Each structure stands twice: as structure tokens, then as C-alpha cells.
N, C-alpha and C. Protein backbone atom coordinates (compact mmCIF):
# COMPACT_ATOMS: atom_id res chain seq x y z
N MET A 1 -18.82 0.56 4.69
CA MET A 1 -19.52 -0.36 3.84
C MET A 1 -19.06 -0.26 2.38
N ALA A 2 -18.79 0.99 1.96
CA ALA A 2 -18.33 1.18 0.59
C ALA A 2 -17.00 0.50 0.36
N ALA A 3 -16.10 0.52 1.36
CA ALA A 3 -14.79 -0.12 1.24
C ALA A 3 -14.97 -1.63 1.06
N PHE A 4 -15.96 -2.21 1.77
CA PHE A 4 -16.23 -3.63 1.61
C PHE A 4 -16.58 -3.97 0.17
N TRP A 5 -17.47 -3.18 -0.42
CA TRP A 5 -17.89 -3.47 -1.80
C TRP A 5 -16.73 -3.27 -2.78
N ILE A 6 -15.89 -2.30 -2.56
CA ILE A 6 -14.74 -2.12 -3.44
C ILE A 6 -13.82 -3.33 -3.30
N PHE A 7 -13.53 -3.75 -2.06
CA PHE A 7 -12.66 -4.93 -1.86
C PHE A 7 -13.31 -6.17 -2.50
N PHE A 8 -14.63 -6.31 -2.33
CA PHE A 8 -15.34 -7.47 -2.89
C PHE A 8 -15.21 -7.49 -4.40
N CYS A 9 -15.46 -6.34 -5.01
CA CYS A 9 -15.41 -6.25 -6.47
C CYS A 9 -13.98 -6.52 -6.98
N LEU A 10 -12.99 -6.01 -6.30
CA LEU A 10 -11.60 -6.25 -6.72
C LEU A 10 -11.25 -7.74 -6.57
N SER A 11 -11.76 -8.37 -5.54
CA SER A 11 -11.49 -9.79 -5.34
C SER A 11 -12.07 -10.62 -6.45
N ALA A 12 -13.16 -10.16 -7.03
CA ALA A 12 -13.84 -10.93 -8.06
C ALA A 12 -13.24 -10.77 -9.47
N LEU A 13 -12.36 -9.77 -9.63
CA LEU A 13 -11.79 -9.53 -10.91
C LEU A 13 -10.79 -10.62 -11.30
N PRO A 14 -10.73 -10.97 -12.57
CA PRO A 14 -9.73 -11.96 -13.01
C PRO A 14 -8.33 -11.36 -12.95
N ALA A 15 -7.33 -12.22 -13.15
CA ALA A 15 -5.93 -11.80 -13.02
C ALA A 15 -5.61 -10.66 -14.00
N ALA A 16 -6.08 -10.73 -15.23
CA ALA A 16 -5.90 -9.63 -16.18
C ALA A 16 -7.04 -8.66 -15.92
N HIS A 17 -6.74 -7.51 -15.36
CA HIS A 17 -7.79 -6.61 -14.89
C HIS A 17 -7.80 -5.34 -15.73
N PRO A 18 -9.01 -4.83 -15.95
CA PRO A 18 -9.16 -3.63 -16.78
C PRO A 18 -8.97 -2.33 -16.01
N ILE A 19 -8.86 -2.39 -14.69
CA ILE A 19 -8.68 -1.17 -13.89
C ILE A 19 -7.35 -1.23 -13.16
N HIS A 20 -6.83 -0.07 -12.85
CA HIS A 20 -5.57 0.04 -12.14
C HIS A 20 -5.84 0.78 -10.84
N LEU A 21 -5.95 -0.02 -9.77
CA LEU A 21 -6.40 0.47 -8.50
C LEU A 21 -5.67 -0.24 -7.36
N THR A 22 -5.27 0.51 -6.36
CA THR A 22 -4.82 -0.08 -5.10
C THR A 22 -5.77 0.43 -3.99
N LEU A 23 -5.91 -0.37 -2.97
CA LEU A 23 -6.73 0.01 -1.83
C LEU A 23 -5.87 -0.09 -0.59
N THR A 24 -6.05 0.85 0.31
CA THR A 24 -5.33 0.87 1.57
C THR A 24 -6.27 1.22 2.69
N ASP A 25 -6.22 0.44 3.77
CA ASP A 25 -6.97 0.75 4.99
C ASP A 25 -5.92 1.08 6.06
N MET A 26 -6.11 2.21 6.74
CA MET A 26 -5.23 2.63 7.80
C MET A 26 -6.08 2.87 9.03
N ALA A 27 -5.64 2.31 10.17
CA ALA A 27 -6.38 2.52 11.41
C ALA A 27 -5.39 2.77 12.55
N TYR A 28 -5.70 3.75 13.37
CA TYR A 28 -4.88 4.05 14.52
C TYR A 28 -5.35 3.25 15.71
N SER A 29 -4.42 2.57 16.36
CA SER A 29 -4.72 1.81 17.58
C SER A 29 -4.24 2.59 18.80
N GLU A 30 -5.20 3.11 19.55
CA GLU A 30 -4.87 3.87 20.74
C GLU A 30 -4.12 3.00 21.75
N LYS A 31 -4.61 1.77 21.88
CA LYS A 31 -4.00 0.83 22.85
C LYS A 31 -2.56 0.53 22.49
N GLU A 32 -2.28 0.26 21.21
CA GLU A 32 -0.94 -0.12 20.76
C GLU A 32 -0.07 1.09 20.41
N LYS A 33 -0.72 2.27 20.35
CA LYS A 33 0.02 3.48 19.87
C LYS A 33 0.67 3.21 18.53
N SER A 34 -0.13 2.63 17.63
CA SER A 34 0.41 2.28 16.30
C SER A 34 -0.62 2.61 15.21
N LEU A 35 -0.07 2.79 14.04
CA LEU A 35 -0.87 2.99 12.83
C LEU A 35 -0.75 1.68 12.03
N GLN A 36 -1.87 1.01 11.89
CA GLN A 36 -1.88 -0.30 11.21
C GLN A 36 -2.42 -0.12 9.79
N VAL A 37 -1.67 -0.65 8.84
CA VAL A 37 -1.94 -0.42 7.43
C VAL A 37 -2.05 -1.75 6.69
N ILE A 38 -3.08 -1.83 5.85
CA ILE A 38 -3.25 -2.99 4.97
C ILE A 38 -3.40 -2.45 3.54
N HIS A 39 -2.50 -2.89 2.65
CA HIS A 39 -2.56 -2.51 1.25
C HIS A 39 -3.08 -3.69 0.46
N LYS A 40 -3.92 -3.45 -0.54
CA LYS A 40 -4.32 -4.49 -1.47
C LYS A 40 -3.91 -4.06 -2.86
N ILE A 41 -3.07 -4.84 -3.48
CA ILE A 41 -2.50 -4.50 -4.80
C ILE A 41 -2.53 -5.73 -5.69
N PHE A 42 -2.88 -5.55 -6.95
CA PHE A 42 -2.82 -6.68 -7.87
C PHE A 42 -1.37 -7.19 -7.98
N VAL A 43 -1.23 -8.50 -7.83
CA VAL A 43 0.09 -9.12 -7.81
C VAL A 43 0.91 -8.84 -9.06
N ASP A 44 0.30 -8.97 -10.23
CA ASP A 44 1.05 -8.76 -11.48
C ASP A 44 1.60 -7.34 -11.58
N ASP A 45 0.82 -6.35 -11.20
CA ASP A 45 1.29 -4.98 -11.21
C ASP A 45 2.39 -4.76 -10.19
N LEU A 46 2.19 -5.27 -8.99
CA LEU A 46 3.17 -5.14 -7.91
C LEU A 46 4.51 -5.73 -8.34
N GLU A 47 4.49 -6.95 -8.87
CA GLU A 47 5.70 -7.62 -9.30
C GLU A 47 6.39 -6.84 -10.42
N LEU A 48 5.64 -6.35 -11.37
CA LEU A 48 6.20 -5.60 -12.48
C LEU A 48 6.92 -4.35 -11.99
N GLN A 49 6.26 -3.58 -11.10
CA GLN A 49 6.89 -2.35 -10.63
C GLN A 49 8.09 -2.65 -9.73
N MET A 50 8.00 -3.67 -8.88
CA MET A 50 9.13 -4.00 -8.03
C MET A 50 10.34 -4.41 -8.86
N GLU A 51 10.11 -5.23 -9.87
CA GLU A 51 11.23 -5.67 -10.73
C GLU A 51 11.82 -4.48 -11.48
N GLN A 52 10.97 -3.56 -11.97
CA GLN A 52 11.45 -2.40 -12.67
C GLN A 52 12.31 -1.52 -11.74
N MET A 53 11.86 -1.35 -10.51
CA MET A 53 12.62 -0.54 -9.54
C MET A 53 14.00 -1.15 -9.30
N GLU A 54 14.03 -2.45 -9.15
CA GLU A 54 15.31 -3.13 -8.90
C GLU A 54 16.21 -3.03 -10.15
N LYS A 55 15.62 -3.12 -11.32
CA LYS A 55 16.40 -2.99 -12.58
C LYS A 55 17.04 -1.60 -12.64
N GLU A 56 16.29 -0.57 -12.24
CA GLU A 56 16.83 0.79 -12.21
C GLU A 56 17.99 0.91 -11.24
N ARG A 57 18.02 0.06 -10.22
CA ARG A 57 19.12 0.06 -9.23
C ARG A 57 20.26 -0.87 -9.68
N GLY A 58 20.13 -1.43 -10.89
CA GLY A 58 21.19 -2.29 -11.43
C GLY A 58 21.09 -3.75 -11.07
N ARG A 59 19.90 -4.17 -10.58
CA ARG A 59 19.71 -5.58 -10.19
C ARG A 59 18.57 -6.17 -11.01
N GLU A 60 18.87 -7.21 -11.80
CA GLU A 60 17.85 -7.98 -12.52
C GLU A 60 17.36 -9.07 -11.58
N ILE A 61 16.10 -9.04 -11.26
CA ILE A 61 15.52 -10.09 -10.40
C ILE A 61 14.22 -10.61 -11.04
N ARG A 62 13.91 -11.84 -10.71
CA ARG A 62 12.59 -12.43 -11.05
C ARG A 62 11.95 -12.79 -9.72
N LEU A 63 10.95 -12.03 -9.34
CA LEU A 63 10.32 -12.25 -8.03
C LEU A 63 9.40 -13.46 -8.00
N GLN A 64 8.69 -13.65 -9.08
CA GLN A 64 7.75 -14.78 -9.19
C GLN A 64 6.81 -14.86 -7.95
N LEU A 65 6.23 -13.68 -7.63
CA LEU A 65 5.35 -13.60 -6.47
C LEU A 65 4.17 -14.57 -6.62
N ASN A 66 3.74 -15.08 -5.50
CA ASN A 66 2.57 -15.97 -5.44
C ASN A 66 2.76 -17.23 -6.28
N THR A 67 3.98 -17.72 -6.36
CA THR A 67 4.26 -18.99 -7.02
C THR A 67 5.17 -19.82 -6.10
N PRO A 68 5.28 -21.11 -6.36
CA PRO A 68 6.22 -21.91 -5.57
C PRO A 68 7.68 -21.47 -5.73
N LYS A 69 7.97 -20.75 -6.81
CA LYS A 69 9.34 -20.27 -7.05
C LYS A 69 9.58 -18.83 -6.58
N GLU A 70 8.73 -18.35 -5.70
CA GLU A 70 8.89 -16.98 -5.22
C GLU A 70 10.30 -16.72 -4.72
N HIS A 71 10.86 -15.60 -5.09
CA HIS A 71 12.23 -15.24 -4.69
C HIS A 71 12.36 -15.30 -3.16
N PRO A 72 13.44 -15.90 -2.65
CA PRO A 72 13.59 -16.00 -1.19
C PRO A 72 13.68 -14.68 -0.47
N ASP A 73 14.08 -13.62 -1.19
CA ASP A 73 14.20 -12.29 -0.58
C ASP A 73 13.02 -11.39 -0.96
N ALA A 74 11.90 -11.98 -1.34
CA ALA A 74 10.73 -11.19 -1.75
C ALA A 74 10.33 -10.22 -0.64
N GLY A 75 10.36 -10.65 0.58
CA GLY A 75 10.00 -9.79 1.71
C GLY A 75 10.89 -8.55 1.82
N LYS A 76 12.18 -8.79 1.60
CA LYS A 76 13.14 -7.68 1.67
C LYS A 76 12.87 -6.68 0.56
N TYR A 77 12.64 -7.17 -0.64
CA TYR A 77 12.30 -6.30 -1.77
C TYR A 77 10.97 -5.58 -1.55
N LEU A 78 10.01 -6.26 -0.97
CA LEU A 78 8.69 -5.64 -0.71
C LEU A 78 8.82 -4.54 0.34
N GLN A 79 9.62 -4.76 1.37
CA GLN A 79 9.86 -3.71 2.37
C GLN A 79 10.46 -2.45 1.70
N ALA A 80 11.46 -2.64 0.86
CA ALA A 80 12.09 -1.53 0.15
C ALA A 80 11.08 -0.83 -0.76
N TYR A 81 10.25 -1.58 -1.41
CA TYR A 81 9.21 -1.05 -2.31
C TYR A 81 8.23 -0.16 -1.53
N VAL A 82 7.73 -0.69 -0.44
CA VAL A 82 6.76 0.06 0.36
C VAL A 82 7.41 1.31 0.93
N ASN A 83 8.63 1.23 1.43
CA ASN A 83 9.32 2.37 1.98
C ASN A 83 9.54 3.46 0.93
N ALA A 84 9.83 3.05 -0.30
CA ALA A 84 10.11 4.00 -1.36
C ALA A 84 8.85 4.71 -1.87
N LEU A 85 7.73 4.00 -1.90
CA LEU A 85 6.53 4.56 -2.56
C LEU A 85 5.37 4.92 -1.67
N PHE A 86 5.50 4.64 -0.37
CA PHE A 86 4.39 4.96 0.53
C PHE A 86 4.96 5.58 1.80
N GLN A 87 4.82 6.91 1.90
CA GLN A 87 5.36 7.60 3.07
C GLN A 87 4.24 8.22 3.88
N VAL A 88 4.44 8.18 5.21
CA VAL A 88 3.44 8.70 6.13
C VAL A 88 4.10 9.65 7.12
N LYS A 89 3.42 10.76 7.35
CA LYS A 89 3.78 11.71 8.40
C LYS A 89 2.60 11.83 9.34
N VAL A 90 2.85 11.77 10.65
CA VAL A 90 1.81 12.00 11.62
C VAL A 90 2.24 13.20 12.45
N ASN A 91 1.36 14.21 12.51
CA ASN A 91 1.64 15.44 13.25
C ASN A 91 2.95 16.04 12.82
N GLY A 92 3.27 15.94 11.50
CA GLY A 92 4.47 16.54 10.96
C GLY A 92 5.72 15.68 11.04
N LYS A 93 5.64 14.53 11.72
CA LYS A 93 6.82 13.67 11.89
C LYS A 93 6.76 12.49 10.93
N THR A 94 7.85 12.30 10.14
CA THR A 94 7.91 11.19 9.19
C THR A 94 8.06 9.87 9.96
N LEU A 95 7.27 8.89 9.58
CA LEU A 95 7.28 7.59 10.24
C LEU A 95 7.97 6.56 9.36
N SER A 96 8.48 5.53 10.01
CA SER A 96 9.09 4.41 9.30
C SER A 96 8.26 3.16 9.61
N GLY A 97 7.78 2.51 8.57
CA GLY A 97 6.89 1.37 8.74
C GLY A 97 7.66 0.03 8.77
N ASN A 98 7.08 -0.91 9.45
CA ASN A 98 7.62 -2.27 9.50
C ASN A 98 6.71 -3.20 8.72
N LEU A 99 7.28 -3.92 7.75
CA LEU A 99 6.50 -4.91 7.02
C LEU A 99 6.24 -6.08 7.94
N LEU A 100 4.96 -6.36 8.22
CA LEU A 100 4.62 -7.49 9.06
C LEU A 100 4.43 -8.77 8.26
N GLY A 101 4.10 -8.63 6.99
CA GLY A 101 3.90 -9.80 6.17
C GLY A 101 3.05 -9.54 4.95
N LYS A 102 2.78 -10.61 4.23
CA LYS A 102 1.95 -10.49 3.03
C LYS A 102 1.16 -11.79 2.88
N GLU A 103 0.07 -11.70 2.18
CA GLU A 103 -0.76 -12.84 1.85
C GLU A 103 -1.24 -12.63 0.41
N TYR A 104 -1.55 -13.74 -0.24
CA TYR A 104 -2.10 -13.67 -1.60
C TYR A 104 -3.50 -14.23 -1.57
N GLU A 105 -4.36 -13.60 -2.36
CA GLU A 105 -5.74 -14.03 -2.51
C GLU A 105 -6.12 -13.80 -3.97
N GLY A 106 -6.26 -14.88 -4.68
CA GLY A 106 -6.54 -14.72 -6.11
C GLY A 106 -5.41 -13.99 -6.77
N GLY A 107 -5.70 -12.95 -7.47
CA GLY A 107 -4.69 -12.13 -8.14
C GLY A 107 -4.21 -10.94 -7.33
N ALA A 108 -4.54 -10.89 -6.05
CA ALA A 108 -4.18 -9.74 -5.22
C ALA A 108 -3.22 -10.11 -4.11
N ALA A 109 -2.40 -9.13 -3.74
CA ALA A 109 -1.52 -9.25 -2.61
C ALA A 109 -2.04 -8.36 -1.50
N TRP A 110 -2.09 -8.90 -0.30
CA TRP A 110 -2.44 -8.14 0.89
C TRP A 110 -1.09 -7.89 1.62
N ILE A 111 -0.77 -6.65 1.83
CA ILE A 111 0.51 -6.28 2.44
C ILE A 111 0.22 -5.60 3.78
N TYR A 112 0.82 -6.13 4.85
CA TYR A 112 0.55 -5.64 6.20
C TYR A 112 1.76 -4.83 6.72
N VAL A 113 1.51 -3.59 7.11
CA VAL A 113 2.56 -2.73 7.58
C VAL A 113 2.11 -2.07 8.89
N GLU A 114 3.05 -1.86 9.82
CA GLU A 114 2.72 -1.21 11.07
C GLU A 114 3.71 -0.10 11.37
N PHE A 115 3.21 1.02 11.76
CA PHE A 115 4.02 2.14 12.22
C PHE A 115 3.86 2.18 13.73
N THR A 116 4.93 2.05 14.50
CA THR A 116 4.84 1.97 15.94
C THR A 116 5.24 3.27 16.61
N GLN A 117 4.95 3.35 17.91
CA GLN A 117 5.24 4.51 18.73
C GLN A 117 4.70 5.80 18.11
N VAL A 118 3.44 5.75 17.73
CA VAL A 118 2.77 6.87 17.07
C VAL A 118 1.86 7.59 18.06
N PRO A 119 2.08 8.88 18.25
CA PRO A 119 1.13 9.63 19.11
C PRO A 119 -0.22 9.75 18.41
N ARG A 120 -1.26 10.02 19.18
CA ARG A 120 -2.58 10.14 18.56
C ARG A 120 -2.54 11.17 17.44
N PRO A 121 -2.93 10.77 16.23
CA PRO A 121 -2.84 11.69 15.10
C PRO A 121 -3.84 12.83 15.16
N LYS A 122 -3.32 14.04 14.96
CA LYS A 122 -4.17 15.19 14.72
C LYS A 122 -4.22 15.47 13.23
N GLN A 123 -3.10 15.06 12.57
CA GLN A 123 -2.96 15.22 11.14
C GLN A 123 -2.15 14.05 10.59
N ILE A 124 -2.61 13.48 9.48
CA ILE A 124 -1.88 12.41 8.79
C ILE A 124 -1.68 12.90 7.36
N GLU A 125 -0.38 12.89 6.96
CA GLU A 125 -0.04 13.25 5.60
C GLU A 125 0.53 12.00 4.91
N ILE A 126 0.04 11.72 3.71
CA ILE A 126 0.42 10.50 3.00
C ILE A 126 0.90 10.84 1.61
N ARG A 127 1.94 10.16 1.21
CA ARG A 127 2.44 10.18 -0.17
C ARG A 127 2.33 8.73 -0.66
N ASP A 128 1.52 8.52 -1.69
CA ASP A 128 1.25 7.19 -2.19
C ASP A 128 1.50 7.15 -3.69
N GLU A 129 2.63 6.52 -4.08
CA GLU A 129 3.01 6.45 -5.47
C GLU A 129 2.95 5.01 -6.02
N PHE A 130 2.27 4.12 -5.33
CA PHE A 130 2.14 2.75 -5.83
C PHE A 130 1.65 2.75 -7.26
N LEU A 131 2.36 2.12 -8.13
CA LEU A 131 2.04 1.87 -9.53
C LEU A 131 1.86 3.08 -10.39
N MET A 132 2.13 4.26 -9.86
CA MET A 132 1.93 5.52 -10.63
C MET A 132 2.82 5.57 -11.86
N SER A 133 4.01 4.97 -11.79
CA SER A 133 4.91 5.01 -12.94
C SER A 133 4.50 4.01 -14.05
N LEU A 134 3.57 3.13 -13.71
CA LEU A 134 3.14 2.11 -14.67
C LEU A 134 1.96 2.54 -15.52
N TYR A 135 0.98 3.19 -14.90
CA TYR A 135 -0.30 3.42 -15.56
C TYR A 135 -0.76 4.87 -15.40
N ASP A 136 -1.15 5.45 -16.50
CA ASP A 136 -1.66 6.83 -16.49
C ASP A 136 -3.00 6.91 -15.77
N ASP A 137 -3.79 5.80 -15.76
CA ASP A 137 -5.09 5.79 -15.12
C ASP A 137 -5.07 5.18 -13.74
N GLN A 138 -3.88 5.06 -13.12
CA GLN A 138 -3.76 4.46 -11.80
C GLN A 138 -4.49 5.33 -10.75
N ASN A 139 -5.24 4.68 -9.88
CA ASN A 139 -5.93 5.32 -8.76
C ASN A 139 -5.57 4.53 -7.49
N ASN A 140 -5.24 5.25 -6.45
CA ASN A 140 -4.96 4.62 -5.15
C ASN A 140 -5.89 5.24 -4.12
N LEU A 141 -6.71 4.39 -3.53
CA LEU A 141 -7.71 4.83 -2.54
C LEU A 141 -7.25 4.45 -1.14
N ILE A 142 -7.40 5.38 -0.21
CA ILE A 142 -7.00 5.14 1.18
C ILE A 142 -8.16 5.52 2.09
N ASN A 143 -8.50 4.56 2.96
CA ASN A 143 -9.47 4.82 4.02
C ASN A 143 -8.73 4.90 5.34
N LEU A 144 -8.99 5.96 6.11
CA LEU A 144 -8.31 6.16 7.39
C LEU A 144 -9.32 6.17 8.52
N GLU A 145 -8.88 5.69 9.68
CA GLU A 145 -9.73 5.69 10.85
C GLU A 145 -8.90 6.00 12.08
N VAL A 146 -9.28 7.06 12.80
CA VAL A 146 -8.63 7.43 14.06
C VAL A 146 -9.77 7.61 15.07
N GLY A 147 -9.85 6.66 16.00
CA GLY A 147 -10.97 6.69 16.97
C GLY A 147 -12.29 6.54 16.20
N ASP A 148 -13.22 7.48 16.44
CA ASP A 148 -14.48 7.40 15.75
C ASP A 148 -14.55 8.29 14.50
N LYS A 149 -13.38 8.87 14.14
CA LYS A 149 -13.33 9.71 12.96
C LYS A 149 -12.75 8.96 11.79
N LYS A 150 -13.32 9.20 10.61
CA LYS A 150 -12.90 8.52 9.40
C LYS A 150 -12.65 9.53 8.28
N GLY A 151 -11.78 9.12 7.38
CA GLY A 151 -11.48 9.96 6.23
C GLY A 151 -11.07 9.08 5.06
N SER A 152 -11.09 9.62 3.86
CA SER A 152 -10.66 8.91 2.68
C SER A 152 -9.86 9.85 1.81
N LEU A 153 -8.91 9.28 1.09
CA LEU A 153 -8.10 10.01 0.14
C LEU A 153 -8.04 9.24 -1.16
N ARG A 154 -7.89 9.99 -2.25
CA ARG A 154 -7.74 9.37 -3.57
C ARG A 154 -6.52 10.00 -4.23
N PHE A 155 -5.61 9.11 -4.67
CA PHE A 155 -4.41 9.56 -5.35
C PHE A 155 -4.44 9.08 -6.80
N ARG A 156 -3.86 9.89 -7.68
CA ARG A 156 -3.76 9.57 -9.10
C ARG A 156 -2.55 10.26 -9.67
N LYS A 157 -2.19 9.94 -10.88
CA LYS A 157 -1.02 10.53 -11.51
C LYS A 157 -1.08 12.06 -11.39
N GLY A 158 0.01 12.63 -10.91
CA GLY A 158 0.06 14.11 -10.72
C GLY A 158 -0.51 14.57 -9.39
N TYR A 159 -1.11 13.67 -8.62
CA TYR A 159 -1.67 14.00 -7.32
C TYR A 159 -1.40 12.83 -6.36
N VAL A 160 -0.22 12.82 -5.79
CA VAL A 160 0.23 11.64 -5.02
C VAL A 160 0.40 11.94 -3.52
N SER A 161 0.07 13.16 -3.10
CA SER A 161 0.27 13.49 -1.71
C SER A 161 -0.91 14.32 -1.22
N ASP A 162 -1.34 14.01 0.05
CA ASP A 162 -2.45 14.75 0.63
C ASP A 162 -2.42 14.55 2.13
N ARG A 163 -3.28 15.24 2.84
CA ARG A 163 -3.35 15.08 4.31
C ARG A 163 -4.78 15.14 4.78
N VAL A 164 -4.97 14.57 5.95
CA VAL A 164 -6.27 14.56 6.61
C VAL A 164 -6.10 15.10 8.04
N GLU A 165 -7.00 15.92 8.45
CA GLU A 165 -7.01 16.48 9.82
C GLU A 165 -8.01 15.70 10.65
N PHE A 166 -7.64 15.41 11.90
CA PHE A 166 -8.54 14.69 12.80
C PHE A 166 -8.80 15.54 14.03
């Protein structure tokens, strides 16, 4: 229920936002043997960090996310962004996620990622560096669900990795 209120409050914020927060929901599907992930990130922050990362790689791009002029390779850049800044290990094994897609709602981007062929997690280790290089007050919240067990993690500058036991 708390996650709902956080999502609701974030949805109601205007495009220029006074807080720096990302939200992630992760759920293990026993039937699909997959870890399904939904990230919610403010579009302006996401675009800024993605463009900065590409500039560091020697590529000047204008993504123009959530506009009619959105870069045709935005999905490719988003996949690279997620792979670089969000890593997951299950039972000690590093996973590779597949970007399923994205949607925009107001000033937020919903990013859908799936990790496939995942054994039932006994331990999930996460490294989440979304937007950490942009803001000293950045907070990234993650809610996890494996069967009937739930857990939450909070990441901030200087604390970008943690694990949960199930």
C-alpha cells in the first residue's frame, strides 16, 4: 500500500520536481521463471543522464524523450543505460535484463525490464546507480516480491548496492 501512495504522489508532481527519486518494483514469477522489473524515473532526469553518458562515450545525442521528435534509437540507448546502472545478481549469478519497453505518464517514464531463466531467488543483490551522478540527494527505492515474501531497499549516494535474503 505504501508503494501505491509513493507512486501516486510522484505522479502528481509537476515536471520540475523538488525531489530526486526513482521507484522500482521487482517481482519473481514462479510460472515464467523470470524476474519482472518496472522502473519509474522522471523523464527530464533520465534524459539528462542518458545524454551525459553518451557524451562521455564521445557521442552527442538529443534524445527528446516523450516528444514527437524522440530519437529513433531511444530504446537502444535506454537498454544501454539500464544495463550500465542497474545490475542484478540472483543466488550469486549476474543476470542480463531485456528491455521490454517504456511508457510515459506525465513527467515520468515507466521502464519495463525482464530477467529470464531465473531460478527461485534465495538471495537478490542489486546495484542501482540511476541518477546518482546527477544529484547528491538522489534516492532510489526498490520493492521486491518473491512468492509471499517482500522486501524493500533504499539506495543513495555512497550506498548503491545491497542484497535481500528470501
